[in-house]
N, C-alpha and C. Protein backbone atom coordinates (compact mmCIF):
# COMPACT_ATOMS: atom_id res chain seq x y z
N MET A 1 2.03 0.02 8.57
CA MET A 1 2.93 0.09 7.11
C MET A 1 2.38 -0.49 5.98
N VAL A 2 2.88 0.16 4.47
CA VAL A 2 2.44 -0.44 3.67
C VAL A 2 2.66 -1.63 3.23
N HIS A 3 1.98 -2.48 2.71
CA HIS A 3 2.54 -3.53 1.99
C HIS A 3 2.43 -3.71 0.76
N ALA A 4 3.63 -3.57 0.58
CA ALA A 4 4.03 -3.63 -1.23
C ALA A 4 3.94 -5.30 -1.77
N VAL A 5 3.02 -5.36 -2.18
CA VAL A 5 2.48 -6.90 -2.92
C VAL A 5 3.23 -6.84 -4.20
N ILE A 6 3.96 -7.58 -4.57
CA ILE A 6 4.19 -8.02 -6.29
C ILE A 6 4.06 -9.52 -6.43
N PRO A 7 2.84 -9.50 -7.43
CA PRO A 7 2.65 -10.80 -8.34
C PRO A 7 3.95 -11.25 -8.96
N PHE A 8 4.19 -12.35 -8.96
CA PHE A 8 5.70 -12.92 -9.62
C PHE A 8 5.41 -14.89 -9.99
N ARG A 9 5.80 -14.86 -11.40
CA ARG A 9 5.97 -15.90 -11.94
C ARG A 9 7.17 -16.39 -12.46
N PRO A 10 7.29 -17.03 -11.62
CA PRO A 10 8.78 -17.42 -11.89
C PRO A 10 9.32 -18.66 -13.38
N THR A 11 8.31 -19.45 -13.29
CA THR A 11 8.31 -20.55 -14.69
C THR A 11 8.18 -19.56 -16.15
N ASN A 12 9.23 -19.90 -17.28
CA ASN A 12 8.90 -18.72 -18.65
C ASN A 12 8.39 -17.81 -18.42
N PRO A 13 8.73 -16.89 -17.62
CA PRO A 13 8.09 -15.56 -18.35
C PRO A 13 8.36 -14.69 -18.95
N LYS A 14 8.28 -13.63 -19.73
CA LYS A 14 8.45 -12.68 -20.43
C LYS A 14 8.89 -13.53 -22.04
N THR A 15 7.85 -14.19 -22.48
CA THR A 15 8.00 -14.54 -23.72
C THR A 15 8.19 -13.89 -24.64
N ARG A 16 8.03 -13.12 -25.03
CA ARG A 16 8.27 -11.80 -25.92
C ARG A 16 9.53 -11.75 -25.82
N LEU A 17 10.45 -11.87 -25.29
CA LEU A 17 12.04 -11.75 -25.17
C LEU A 17 12.71 -12.91 -25.71
N SER A 18 11.65 -13.84 -26.35
CA SER A 18 12.88 -15.00 -26.41
C SER A 18 13.39 -14.80 -27.84
N CYS A 19 13.37 -13.74 -28.10
CA CYS A 19 14.38 -13.76 -29.87
C CYS A 19 15.52 -13.01 -29.29
N ILE A 20 15.83 -12.48 -27.84
CA ILE A 20 17.37 -12.24 -27.43
C ILE A 20 17.63 -13.18 -25.85
N LEU A 21 16.63 -13.65 -25.52
CA LEU A 21 16.74 -14.51 -24.40
C LEU A 21 16.30 -15.65 -24.75
N SER A 22 17.01 -16.64 -23.73
CA SER A 22 16.30 -18.14 -23.52
C SER A 22 15.57 -18.45 -22.69
N GLN A 23 14.84 -19.23 -22.73
CA GLN A 23 13.76 -19.43 -21.54
C GLN A 23 14.87 -19.62 -20.24
N GLU A 24 15.98 -19.96 -19.95
CA GLU A 24 16.52 -19.65 -18.71
C GLU A 24 17.23 -18.63 -18.42
N GLU A 25 17.66 -17.73 -19.27
CA GLU A 25 18.17 -16.10 -19.10
C GLU A 25 16.80 -15.46 -18.82
N ARG A 26 15.64 -15.74 -19.71
CA ARG A 26 14.56 -14.73 -19.38
C ARG A 26 13.69 -15.29 -18.01
N GLU A 27 14.14 -16.44 -17.30
CA GLU A 27 13.46 -16.80 -15.70
C GLU A 27 14.72 -16.21 -14.74
N LYS A 28 16.07 -16.47 -15.04
CA LYS A 28 16.97 -15.08 -14.45
C LYS A 28 16.73 -13.49 -14.67
N PHE A 29 16.71 -13.39 -16.08
CA PHE A 29 16.54 -11.85 -16.26
C PHE A 29 14.91 -11.14 -15.37
N ALA A 30 13.74 -11.84 -15.08
CA ALA A 30 12.89 -12.11 -14.29
C ALA A 30 13.00 -11.61 -12.90
N LEU A 31 14.08 -12.29 -12.17
CA LEU A 31 14.40 -12.24 -10.97
C LEU A 31 15.26 -11.06 -10.53
N ARG A 32 15.74 -10.67 -11.75
CA ARG A 32 16.85 -9.66 -11.88
C ARG A 32 15.64 -8.33 -11.49
N MET A 33 15.13 -8.08 -12.49
CA MET A 33 14.20 -7.25 -12.40
C MET A 33 13.18 -7.12 -11.14
N LEU A 34 13.02 -8.27 -10.80
CA LEU A 34 12.66 -8.35 -9.55
C LEU A 34 12.86 -8.04 -8.31
N SER A 35 14.05 -8.51 -8.24
CA SER A 35 15.47 -7.47 -7.34
C SER A 35 15.43 -6.28 -7.02
N ASP A 36 15.20 -5.85 -8.37
CA ASP A 36 15.44 -3.98 -8.26
C ASP A 36 13.99 -3.51 -7.69
N VAL A 37 12.63 -4.02 -8.11
CA VAL A 37 11.49 -3.52 -6.81
C VAL A 37 11.61 -3.81 -5.76
N ILE A 38 12.15 -5.06 -5.24
CA ILE A 38 11.92 -5.41 -3.95
C ILE A 38 13.21 -3.95 -3.61
N SER A 39 14.10 -3.60 -4.34
CA SER A 39 15.06 -2.90 -3.26
C SER A 39 14.32 -1.92 -3.28
N THR A 40 13.82 -1.31 -4.40
CA THR A 40 12.99 0.10 -4.40
C THR A 40 11.55 -0.04 -3.28
N THR A 41 10.90 -1.32 -3.04
CA THR A 41 9.48 -0.73 -2.31
C THR A 41 10.59 -1.09 -0.85
N ASN A 42 11.39 -1.76 -0.53
CA ASN A 42 12.17 -1.75 0.89
C ASN A 42 12.75 -0.42 1.32
N SER A 43 13.19 0.19 0.24
CA SER A 43 13.75 1.65 0.35
C SER A 43 12.89 2.43 0.65
N ALA A 44 11.46 2.30 0.43
CA ALA A 44 10.09 3.27 0.48
C ALA A 44 9.30 2.77 2.08
N CYS A 45 10.21 2.27 2.68
CA CYS A 45 9.73 1.49 3.69
C CYS A 45 8.31 0.77 3.71
N CYS A 46 8.35 -0.14 3.19
CA CYS A 46 7.33 -1.08 2.45
C CYS A 46 7.61 -2.33 3.00
N ARG A 47 6.45 -2.86 3.57
CA ARG A 47 6.77 -4.42 4.12
C ARG A 47 6.50 -5.18 2.70
N THR A 48 7.56 -5.55 2.08
CA THR A 48 7.55 -6.35 0.97
C THR A 48 6.96 -7.53 0.79
N VAL A 49 5.97 -8.56 -0.34
CA VAL A 49 5.45 -9.43 0.19
C VAL A 49 5.48 -10.13 -1.64
N LEU A 50 6.46 -11.15 -1.70
CA LEU A 50 6.09 -11.67 -3.01
C LEU A 50 4.99 -12.73 -2.98
N LEU A 51 3.68 -12.39 -3.95
CA LEU A 51 2.65 -13.60 -3.90
C LEU A 51 2.41 -14.18 -5.00
N CYS A 52 2.61 -15.64 -5.56
CA CYS A 52 3.28 -16.45 -6.26
C CYS A 52 2.25 -18.37 -6.13
N THR A 53 2.34 -18.37 -6.90
CA THR A 53 1.63 -19.60 -7.06
C THR A 53 2.66 -21.05 -6.48
N GLU A 54 4.18 -20.90 -6.16
CA GLU A 54 4.73 -21.73 -5.75
C GLU A 54 5.54 -21.13 -4.73
N ASN A 55 6.45 -21.72 -4.21
CA ASN A 55 7.17 -21.47 -2.69
C ASN A 55 8.52 -21.08 -3.29
N ILE A 56 9.12 -19.71 -3.15
CA ILE A 56 10.26 -19.29 -3.67
C ILE A 56 10.85 -18.54 -2.59
N SER A 57 12.34 -18.33 -2.76
CA SER A 57 12.68 -17.78 -1.46
C SER A 57 13.68 -16.43 -2.25
N VAL A 58 13.21 -15.08 -1.98
CA VAL A 58 13.80 -14.20 -2.81
C VAL A 58 14.43 -13.40 -2.07
N GLU A 59 15.46 -13.04 -1.67
CA GLU A 59 15.94 -11.84 -0.55
C GLU A 59 15.39 -10.31 -0.47
N GLY A 60 14.78 -9.83 0.84
CA GLY A 60 14.12 -8.95 0.42
C GLY A 60 12.54 -9.26 0.75
N ALA A 61 12.51 -9.78 0.35
CA ALA A 61 10.77 -10.34 0.75
C ALA A 61 9.85 -11.45 1.29
N GLU A 62 9.13 -11.43 1.95
CA GLU A 62 8.43 -12.97 2.35
C GLU A 62 7.78 -13.05 1.30
N THR A 63 7.91 -14.60 1.21
CA THR A 63 6.82 -15.04 0.58
C THR A 63 5.66 -15.67 0.66
N VAL A 64 4.39 -15.03 -0.18
CA VAL A 64 2.73 -15.58 0.26
C VAL A 64 2.49 -16.73 -1.12
N VAL A 65 2.06 -17.82 -0.64
CA VAL A 65 1.73 -18.80 -1.61
C VAL A 65 0.18 -18.86 -1.97
N LYS A 66 -0.15 -18.64 -3.16
CA LYS A 66 -1.82 -18.88 -3.11
C LYS A 66 -1.96 -19.65 -4.81
N PRO A 67 -1.98 -20.74 -4.71
CA PRO A 67 -2.27 -21.36 -5.99
C PRO A 67 -3.44 -21.24 -6.82
N LEU A 68 -3.89 -20.05 -7.17
CA LEU A 68 -4.87 -19.32 -7.51
C LEU A 68 -4.52 -18.25 -8.93
N GLY A 69 -5.33 -17.90 -9.57
CA GLY A 69 -5.11 -16.95 -11.05
C GLY A 69 -5.08 -15.52 -10.04
N LEU A 70 -4.12 -14.58 -11.17
CA LEU A 70 -3.83 -13.41 -10.43
C LEU A 70 -5.27 -13.17 -9.71
N ASN A 71 -5.87 -12.47 -10.33
CA ASN A 71 -6.77 -11.44 -9.53
C ASN A 71 -7.86 -12.64 -8.56
N GLU A 72 -7.82 -13.83 -8.71
CA GLU A 72 -8.06 -14.66 -7.13
C GLU A 72 -6.89 -14.42 -6.25
N ALA A 73 -5.77 -14.66 -6.41
CA ALA A 73 -4.95 -14.55 -5.56
C ALA A 73 -4.87 -12.92 -4.87
N LEU A 74 -5.18 -12.14 -5.56
CA LEU A 74 -4.59 -10.47 -5.19
C LEU A 74 -5.99 -10.32 -4.52
N ASN A 75 -7.21 -10.49 -5.00
CA ASN A 75 -8.50 -10.18 -4.28
C ASN A 75 -8.50 -10.64 -3.35
N GLU A 76 -7.82 -12.13 -3.12
CA GLU A 76 -8.04 -12.84 -1.36
C GLU A 76 -7.10 -12.23 -0.65
N TYR A 77 -5.88 -11.58 -1.29
CA TYR A 77 -5.04 -11.02 -0.21
C TYR A 77 -5.72 -9.74 0.25
N LEU A 78 -6.24 -8.67 -0.73
CA LEU A 78 -6.61 -7.76 0.12
C LEU A 78 -7.73 -7.91 0.77
N ALA A 79 -8.79 -9.09 0.49
CA ALA A 79 -9.91 -8.73 1.59
C ALA A 79 -9.17 -9.54 3.13
N GLU A 80 -8.14 -10.17 3.30
CA GLU A 80 -7.05 -10.78 4.28
C GLU A 80 -6.69 -9.51 5.29
N ASN A 81 -6.18 -8.23 4.26
CA ASN A 81 -5.76 -7.27 4.95
C ASN A 81 -6.31 -6.15 5.43
N ASP A 82 -5.88 -5.62 6.88
CA ASP A 82 -6.19 -4.22 7.03
C ASP A 82 -5.25 -2.99 6.59
N ASP A 83 -3.49 -3.34 6.77
CA ASP A 83 -3.23 -2.37 6.12
C ASP A 83 -2.98 -1.57 4.80
N SER A 84 -2.80 -0.39 4.53
CA SER A 84 -2.86 -0.13 3.25
C SER A 84 -1.73 -1.34 2.24
N VAL A 85 -2.40 -1.00 1.00
CA VAL A 85 -1.67 -1.97 0.02
C VAL A 85 -0.97 -1.30 -1.05
N LEU A 86 0.46 -1.88 -1.22
CA LEU A 86 0.56 -1.10 -2.80
C LEU A 86 0.83 -2.29 -3.75
N ILE A 87 0.06 -2.58 -4.80
CA ILE A 87 0.16 -4.18 -5.82
C ILE A 87 1.49 -2.78 -6.73
N ILE A 88 2.15 -3.84 -6.81
CA ILE A 88 3.33 -3.24 -7.73
C ILE A 88 3.89 -4.53 -8.51
N MET A 89 3.93 -4.48 -9.98
CA MET A 89 4.52 -5.59 -10.86
C MET A 89 5.73 -5.73 -10.67
N SER A 90 6.13 -6.80 -10.85
CA SER A 90 7.64 -7.11 -10.88
C SER A 90 8.60 -6.61 -11.98
N ASP A 91 8.23 -6.79 -13.15
CA ASP A 91 8.68 -5.91 -14.42
C ASP A 91 9.09 -4.92 -14.91
N ILE A 92 9.24 -3.67 -13.66
CA ILE A 92 9.07 -1.97 -13.75
C ILE A 92 10.56 -1.68 -12.79
N PRO A 93 11.63 -2.31 -13.14
CA PRO A 93 12.67 -1.66 -12.90
C PRO A 93 13.51 -0.63 -12.67
N LEU A 94 12.51 0.65 -13.22
CA LEU A 94 12.99 1.77 -13.17
C LEU A 94 12.68 2.23 -12.46
N ALA A 95 11.58 1.97 -11.37
CA ALA A 95 10.70 2.27 -10.47
C ALA A 95 11.99 2.65 -9.18
N THR A 96 11.86 4.06 -8.91
CA THR A 96 12.02 4.58 -7.56
C THR A 96 11.73 4.52 -6.08
N ARG A 97 12.77 4.78 -5.39
CA ARG A 97 12.07 5.15 -4.28
C ARG A 97 10.70 6.27 -3.98
N ASP A 98 11.58 7.37 -4.90
CA ASP A 98 10.78 8.45 -4.80
C ASP A 98 9.67 8.31 -5.73
N SER A 99 9.71 7.63 -6.59
CA SER A 99 7.99 7.23 -7.32
C SER A 99 7.09 6.64 -6.23
N VAL A 100 7.39 5.92 -5.46
CA VAL A 100 6.83 4.67 -4.73
C VAL A 100 6.07 5.65 -3.81
N ILE A 101 7.04 6.45 -3.09
CA ILE A 101 6.76 7.21 -1.95
C ILE A 101 5.37 8.34 -2.53
N GLU A 102 5.89 8.95 -3.30
CA GLU A 102 4.82 9.92 -3.99
C GLU A 102 3.65 9.24 -4.22
N MET A 103 3.46 8.04 -5.00
CA MET A 103 2.27 7.38 -5.28
C MET A 103 1.68 6.71 -3.85
N VAL A 104 2.12 6.55 -2.79
CA VAL A 104 1.38 5.85 -1.58
C VAL A 104 0.58 7.50 -0.59
N LYS A 105 1.64 8.59 -0.94
CA LYS A 105 1.27 10.30 -0.10
C LYS A 105 0.05 10.52 -0.75
N THR A 106 -0.39 9.64 -1.72
CA THR A 106 -1.97 10.41 -2.59
C THR A 106 -3.11 10.57 -1.31
N GLY A 107 -3.89 11.81 -1.60
CA GLY A 107 -4.61 12.43 -0.93
C GLY A 107 -6.24 11.38 -0.85
N SER A 108 -5.94 10.61 -2.19
CA SER A 108 -7.45 9.57 -3.03
C SER A 108 -7.56 8.64 -1.84
N ASP A 109 -8.14 7.63 -1.84
CA ASP A 109 -8.45 6.44 -1.40
C ASP A 109 -7.70 5.35 -2.32
N ILE A 110 -7.26 5.96 -3.78
CA ILE A 110 -6.81 4.90 -4.65
C ILE A 110 -5.98 5.37 -5.51
N ALA A 111 -4.80 5.10 -5.82
CA ALA A 111 -3.86 5.75 -6.64
C ALA A 111 -3.70 4.65 -7.82
N VAL A 112 -3.81 4.87 -8.99
CA VAL A 112 -3.60 3.61 -9.82
C VAL A 112 -2.37 4.32 -11.34
N VAL A 113 -1.66 3.60 -11.45
CA VAL A 113 -0.52 4.06 -12.32
C VAL A 113 -0.75 3.35 -13.68
N PRO A 114 -0.79 3.74 -14.83
CA PRO A 114 -1.01 3.15 -16.01
C PRO A 114 -0.01 2.37 -16.41
N GLY A 115 0.20 1.25 -17.39
CA GLY A 115 0.87 0.58 -18.06
C GLY A 115 0.53 0.92 -19.16
N ARG A 116 1.16 0.54 -20.37
CA ARG A 116 1.13 1.23 -21.61
C ARG A 116 0.08 0.19 -22.16
N GLY A 117 -0.80 0.50 -23.17
CA GLY A 117 -1.21 -0.23 -24.09
C GLY A 117 -2.69 -0.40 -22.97
N GLY A 118 -2.91 0.23 -21.96
CA GLY A 118 -4.26 -0.06 -21.28
C GLY A 118 -4.21 -0.87 -20.31
N GLY A 119 -2.73 -1.58 -19.27
CA GLY A 119 -2.72 -2.23 -18.48
C GLY A 119 -2.23 -1.10 -17.41
N THR A 120 -2.26 -2.10 -16.54
CA THR A 120 -2.15 -1.74 -14.91
C THR A 120 -0.76 -1.77 -14.65
N ASN A 121 -0.09 -1.02 -14.19
CA ASN A 121 1.27 -0.86 -13.36
C ASN A 121 1.48 -1.10 -11.98
N ALA A 122 0.15 -0.22 -11.54
CA ALA A 122 0.61 -0.47 -9.46
C ALA A 122 -1.04 0.22 -9.73
N ILE A 123 -0.91 -0.43 -8.35
CA ILE A 123 -2.55 0.54 -7.58
C ILE A 123 -2.40 0.18 -6.03
N PHE A 124 -2.29 1.72 -5.35
CA PHE A 124 -1.89 2.05 -4.12
C PHE A 124 -3.56 1.35 -3.39
N VAL A 125 -3.70 1.06 -2.57
CA VAL A 125 -5.23 1.07 -1.69
C VAL A 125 -4.94 1.73 -0.18
N LYS A 126 -5.66 2.17 -0.11
CA LYS A 126 -5.84 2.66 1.09
C LYS A 126 -6.57 1.62 2.25
N ASN A 127 -7.89 1.67 1.95
CA ASN A 127 -8.65 0.35 2.57
C ASN A 127 -8.66 -0.56 2.09
N PRO A 128 -8.09 -1.62 1.75
CA PRO A 128 -7.98 -2.93 1.08
C PRO A 128 -9.14 -3.99 0.88
N LYS A 129 -9.73 -3.54 1.96
CA LYS A 129 -11.18 -4.44 2.17
C LYS A 129 -11.96 -3.93 1.13
N SER A 130 -12.54 -2.94 0.50
CA SER A 130 -13.03 -1.63 0.01
C SER A 130 -12.82 -1.92 -1.05
N PHE A 131 -11.84 -2.87 -2.16
CA PHE A 131 -11.45 -2.75 -3.43
C PHE A 131 -11.35 -3.79 -4.06
N HIS A 132 -11.56 -4.44 -4.77
CA HIS A 132 -10.99 -5.65 -5.50
C HIS A 132 -10.67 -5.40 -6.76
N VAL A 133 -9.26 -6.32 -7.49
CA VAL A 133 -8.80 -5.70 -8.97
C VAL A 133 -8.96 -6.95 -9.87
N ASP A 134 -9.06 -5.99 -11.00
CA ASP A 134 -9.74 -6.78 -12.23
C ASP A 134 -8.53 -6.61 -13.18
N PHE A 135 -7.10 -7.65 -13.86
CA PHE A 135 -5.97 -7.32 -14.37
C PHE A 135 -6.50 -7.77 -15.44
N TYR A 136 -5.99 -7.93 -16.53
CA TYR A 136 -6.13 -8.58 -17.84
C TYR A 136 -7.29 -7.42 -18.87
N GLY A 137 -6.34 -7.33 -20.24
CA GLY A 137 -7.52 -6.65 -20.84
C GLY A 137 -6.75 -5.02 -20.66
N ALA A 138 -8.14 -4.21 -20.95
CA ALA A 138 -7.93 -2.89 -20.49
C ALA A 138 -8.20 -3.01 -18.92
N SER A 139 -7.17 -3.23 -17.87
CA SER A 139 -7.41 -3.14 -16.67
C SER A 139 -7.43 -1.88 -15.80
N PHE A 140 -6.53 -0.94 -16.82
CA PHE A 140 -7.01 0.20 -16.16
C PHE A 140 -7.79 1.07 -16.40
N LEU A 141 -8.75 1.21 -17.36
CA LEU A 141 -10.07 1.38 -17.66
C LEU A 141 -11.08 0.58 -16.56
N ASP A 142 -10.61 -0.52 -16.11
CA ASP A 142 -11.65 -1.27 -15.53
C ASP A 142 -11.26 -1.01 -14.06
N HIS A 143 -9.96 -0.52 -13.91
CA HIS A 143 -9.88 -0.11 -12.15
C HIS A 143 -10.81 0.96 -11.76
N LEU A 144 -10.55 2.04 -12.82
CA LEU A 144 -11.04 3.35 -12.89
C LEU A 144 -12.63 3.24 -12.63
N ASN A 145 -13.22 1.86 -13.12
CA ASN A 145 -15.36 1.69 -13.10
C ASN A 145 -15.29 1.16 -11.68
N ILE A 146 -13.90 0.01 -11.48
CA ILE A 146 -14.67 -0.13 -9.79
C ILE A 146 -14.11 1.08 -9.09
N CYS A 147 -13.54 1.61 -9.01
CA CYS A 147 -13.15 3.01 -7.79
C CYS A 147 -14.55 3.38 -8.03
N ARG A 148 -15.16 4.33 -9.14
CA ARG A 148 -16.04 4.62 -9.75
C ARG A 148 -17.25 4.04 -8.62
N ASP A 149 -17.67 2.69 -9.34
CA ASP A 149 -18.66 1.77 -8.75
C ASP A 149 -18.81 1.89 -7.47
N SER A 150 -17.38 1.36 -6.79
CA SER A 150 -17.88 1.74 -5.34
C SER A 150 -17.58 2.99 -4.40
N GLY A 151 -17.25 4.16 -4.92
CA GLY A 151 -17.65 5.65 -4.38
C GLY A 151 -15.98 5.98 -3.71
N LEU A 152 -15.06 5.34 -4.26
CA LEU A 152 -14.26 5.51 -4.41
C LEU A 152 -12.97 6.51 -5.05
N THR A 153 -12.18 7.51 -3.85
CA THR A 153 -11.91 8.78 -5.14
C THR A 153 -10.59 7.56 -5.28
N VAL A 154 -9.88 8.49 -7.01
CA VAL A 154 -8.87 8.23 -7.18
C VAL A 154 -8.12 9.04 -8.16
N GLU A 155 -7.11 8.90 -7.31
CA GLU A 155 -5.76 9.56 -8.38
C GLU A 155 -5.14 9.17 -9.61
N ILE A 156 -5.08 9.38 -10.77
CA ILE A 156 -4.38 8.62 -11.82
C ILE A 156 -2.63 9.26 -11.58
N VAL A 157 -2.07 8.66 -11.36
CA VAL A 157 -0.54 8.86 -11.53
C VAL A 157 0.53 9.10 -12.45
N ASP A 158 1.13 9.96 -13.02
CA ASP A 158 1.24 9.81 -14.23
C ASP A 158 3.20 9.71 -13.65
N SER A 159 3.81 8.75 -14.06
CA SER A 159 5.12 8.87 -13.47
C SER A 159 5.57 7.51 -14.85
N PHE A 160 6.93 8.22 -15.53
CA PHE A 160 7.53 7.40 -16.61
C PHE A 160 8.21 6.64 -15.47
N ARG A 161 8.57 6.72 -14.64
CA ARG A 161 9.46 5.40 -13.78
C ARG A 161 8.44 4.33 -13.46
N LEU A 162 7.20 4.34 -13.25
CA LEU A 162 6.50 3.29 -13.03
C LEU A 162 5.51 2.78 -13.80
N SER A 163 5.36 3.63 -14.75
CA SER A 163 4.79 3.08 -16.45
C SER A 163 5.23 2.03 -17.56
N THR A 164 6.88 2.40 -16.93
CA THR A 164 7.94 1.60 -17.95
C THR A 164 7.91 0.03 -17.44
N ASP A 165 7.41 -0.49 -18.24
CA ASP A 165 7.22 -2.42 -18.10
C ASP A 165 8.24 -2.55 -19.26
N ILE A 166 8.76 -3.82 -18.61
CA ILE A 166 9.83 -4.42 -19.92
C ILE A 166 8.89 -5.72 -20.52
N ASP A 167 8.55 -5.79 -21.51
CA ASP A 167 8.07 -6.50 -22.31
C ASP A 167 8.78 -7.16 -23.12
N GLU A 168 9.43 -6.35 -24.41
CA GLU A 168 10.11 -5.98 -25.57
C GLU A 168 11.05 -6.32 -25.59
N LYS A 169 11.71 -6.41 -26.96
CA LYS A 169 13.10 -6.24 -27.16
C LYS A 169 13.10 -4.95 -26.75
N ASP A 170 12.50 -3.83 -27.70
CA ASP A 170 13.00 -2.63 -27.59
C ASP A 170 12.82 -1.65 -26.58
N ASP A 171 11.88 -2.46 -25.58
CA ASP A 171 11.95 -2.11 -23.94
C ASP A 171 13.45 -2.56 -23.31
N LEU A 172 13.93 -3.39 -23.66
CA LEU A 172 15.45 -2.82 -22.57
C LEU A 172 16.17 -1.76 -22.64
N VAL A 173 16.45 -0.72 -23.92
CA VAL A 173 16.59 0.31 -24.14
C VAL A 173 16.28 1.11 -23.07
N GLU A 174 15.41 1.35 -22.39
CA GLU A 174 15.05 2.25 -20.98
C GLU A 174 16.04 1.63 -20.15
N ILE A 175 16.36 0.10 -19.97
CA ILE A 175 17.29 -0.40 -18.97
C ILE A 175 18.62 0.42 -18.84
N PHE A 176 18.54 0.50 -20.48
CA PHE A 176 20.15 1.11 -20.00
C PHE A 176 20.37 2.64 -20.22
N LEU A 177 19.07 3.38 -20.72
CA LEU A 177 19.03 4.47 -20.20
C LEU A 177 18.85 4.99 -18.90
N HIS A 178 18.28 4.72 -18.51
CA HIS A 178 17.32 4.99 -17.09
C HIS A 178 18.00 3.91 -15.92
N SER A 179 18.42 3.10 -15.83
CA SER A 179 18.42 1.93 -14.57
C SER A 179 20.32 1.51 -14.49
N LYS A 180 20.41 1.64 -13.00
CA LYS A 180 21.75 1.06 -12.81
C LYS A 180 21.50 -0.11 -11.67
N GLY A 181 20.45 -0.76 -12.21
CA GLY A 181 20.16 -1.76 -11.10
C GLY A 181 20.82 -3.18 -11.78
N GLU A 182 20.08 -3.87 -10.92
CA GLU A 182 20.26 -5.44 -11.35
C GLU A 182 20.09 -5.89 -12.85
N SER A 183 19.09 -5.25 -13.05
CA SER A 183 18.63 -5.56 -14.69
C SER A 183 19.54 -5.42 -15.53
N ARG A 184 20.40 -4.05 -15.37
CA ARG A 184 21.16 -3.66 -16.42
C ARG A 184 22.61 -4.30 -16.41
N GLY A 185 23.10 -4.64 -15.14
CA GLY A 185 24.43 -5.23 -14.93
C GLY A 185 23.92 -7.30 -15.41
N PHE A 186 23.12 -7.90 -15.53
CA PHE A 186 22.22 -8.52 -16.31
C PHE A 186 22.71 -8.69 -17.60
N LEU A 187 22.41 -7.86 -18.24
CA LEU A 187 22.12 -7.97 -19.42
C LEU A 187 23.99 -7.55 -20.18
N GLU A 188 23.92 -6.62 -19.32
CA GLU A 188 25.64 -6.41 -19.94
C GLU A 188 26.32 -7.52 -19.82
N ASN A 189 26.37 -8.37 -18.69
CA ASN A 189 27.03 -9.84 -18.51
C ASN A 189 26.87 -10.57 -19.90
N LEU A 190 25.34 -10.87 -20.68
CA LEU A 190 25.19 -11.28 -21.30
C LEU A 190 25.82 -10.90 -22.78
N GLY A 191 26.30 -9.72 -23.14
CA GLY A 191 26.62 -8.91 -24.02
C GLY A 191 25.83 -8.44 -24.76
N ILE A 192 24.62 -7.78 -24.10
CA ILE A 192 23.75 -7.09 -24.88
C ILE A 192 24.42 -5.67 -24.12
N LYS A 193 23.66 -4.86 -25.45
CA LYS A 193 24.40 -3.57 -25.20
C LYS A 193 23.19 -2.53 -26.19
N MET A 194 23.20 -1.23 -25.88
CA MET A 194 22.71 -0.42 -26.03
C MET A 194 23.13 -0.07 -27.99
N SER A 195 22.74 -0.09 -28.86
CA SER A 195 23.29 0.82 -30.14
C SER A 195 22.23 1.37 -30.96
N VAL A 196 23.09 2.49 -31.60
CA VAL A 196 21.66 3.26 -32.54
C VAL A 196 22.31 3.07 -33.76
N GLU A 197 20.84 2.70 -34.64
CA GLU A 197 21.45 2.61 -36.31
C GLU A 197 20.16 3.48 -37.02
N LYS A 198 20.41 4.05 -37.79
CA LYS A 198 20.00 4.95 -38.55
C LYS A 198 19.27 5.83 -37.88
N GLY A 199 19.74 6.52 -36.51
CA GLY A 199 19.07 7.21 -35.65
C GLY A 199 18.18 6.73 -34.60
N ARG A 200 17.99 5.06 -34.59
CA ARG A 200 16.88 4.85 -33.33
C ARG A 200 17.74 3.97 -32.89
N VAL A 201 17.60 4.06 -31.58
CA VAL A 201 18.43 3.63 -30.24
C VAL A 201 17.54 2.57 -30.04
N GLY A 202 18.44 1.01 -30.17
CA GLY A 202 17.95 -0.14 -30.09
C GLY A 202 18.58 -1.30 -29.31
N VAL A 203 18.91 -2.10 -29.08
CA VAL A 203 20.07 -3.06 -28.41
C VAL A 203 20.31 -4.13 -29.22
N HIS A 204 21.50 -4.60 -29.22
CA HIS A 204 21.89 -5.92 -30.05
C HIS A 204 23.01 -6.51 -29.12
N ARG A 205 22.63 -8.08 -29.17
CA ARG A 205 23.97 -9.16 -28.62
C ARG A 205 25.08 -9.57 -28.86
N HIS A 206 26.03 -9.32 -29.28
CA HIS A 206 27.24 -9.88 -29.89
C HIS A 206 27.13 -11.27 -29.72
N THR A 207 26.80 -12.12 -28.82
CA THR A 207 27.25 -13.38 -28.03
C THR A 207 25.55 -14.37 -28.92
N HIS A 208 24.89 -13.73 -29.19
CA HIS A 208 23.75 -14.54 -29.46
C HIS A 208 22.98 -14.33 -31.09
N LYS A 209 22.82 -15.29 -31.60
CA LYS A 209 22.07 -15.28 -33.14
C LYS A 209 20.76 -15.16 -32.77
N GLU A 210 20.23 -13.58 -32.57
CA GLU A 210 18.70 -13.36 -32.73
C GLU A 210 17.72 -13.97 -33.55
N THR A 211 16.46 -14.16 -32.79
CA THR A 211 15.42 -14.86 -33.75
C THR A 211 14.44 -13.49 -33.94
N PRO A 212 13.90 -13.62 -35.77
CA PRO A 212 12.93 -12.68 -36.19
C PRO A 212 11.70 -12.63 -34.95
């Protein structure tokens, strides 16, 4: 069975959304996005594992606590497992069952989904002991180089659903356009709605004074 490993930081996440969400709201929103991702990986018949620096309980996933940095925790997890591993970020609530299944069906040793700005949103590793991750910075290129240096074949997966991470206020538009999950319901309950001004699609909040 494929292990779907989701790194997650529960405290003060998504600081670039501070213009529209308080810290408490950002923490709750991060949990809703995580729940959407867990629902997706479980529907794709993965064993979903939450990798955290502290012990938290989230329905649908088991928690593995590793009080380490992101790379150190993930690389330790890879080294400890023989089953295939899908590393998938917690802030891609548009992910679908089909997009995950398509990724893990790759004929290559590794499948990589690039994020915007040079990041990496998901990596599927058939033999976890043969690979290590290097997140932060231009991690997409770094992961391609690791594959090359290790003699591993790699497939670059072109997936809008998996490539769309939610970091900025404008990113919230994608949730309203393409998602019906918990993330969208949470935003709607806060009074956040999609709007069109001067031909541009954005979001606004009726019940909150946004900061610049």
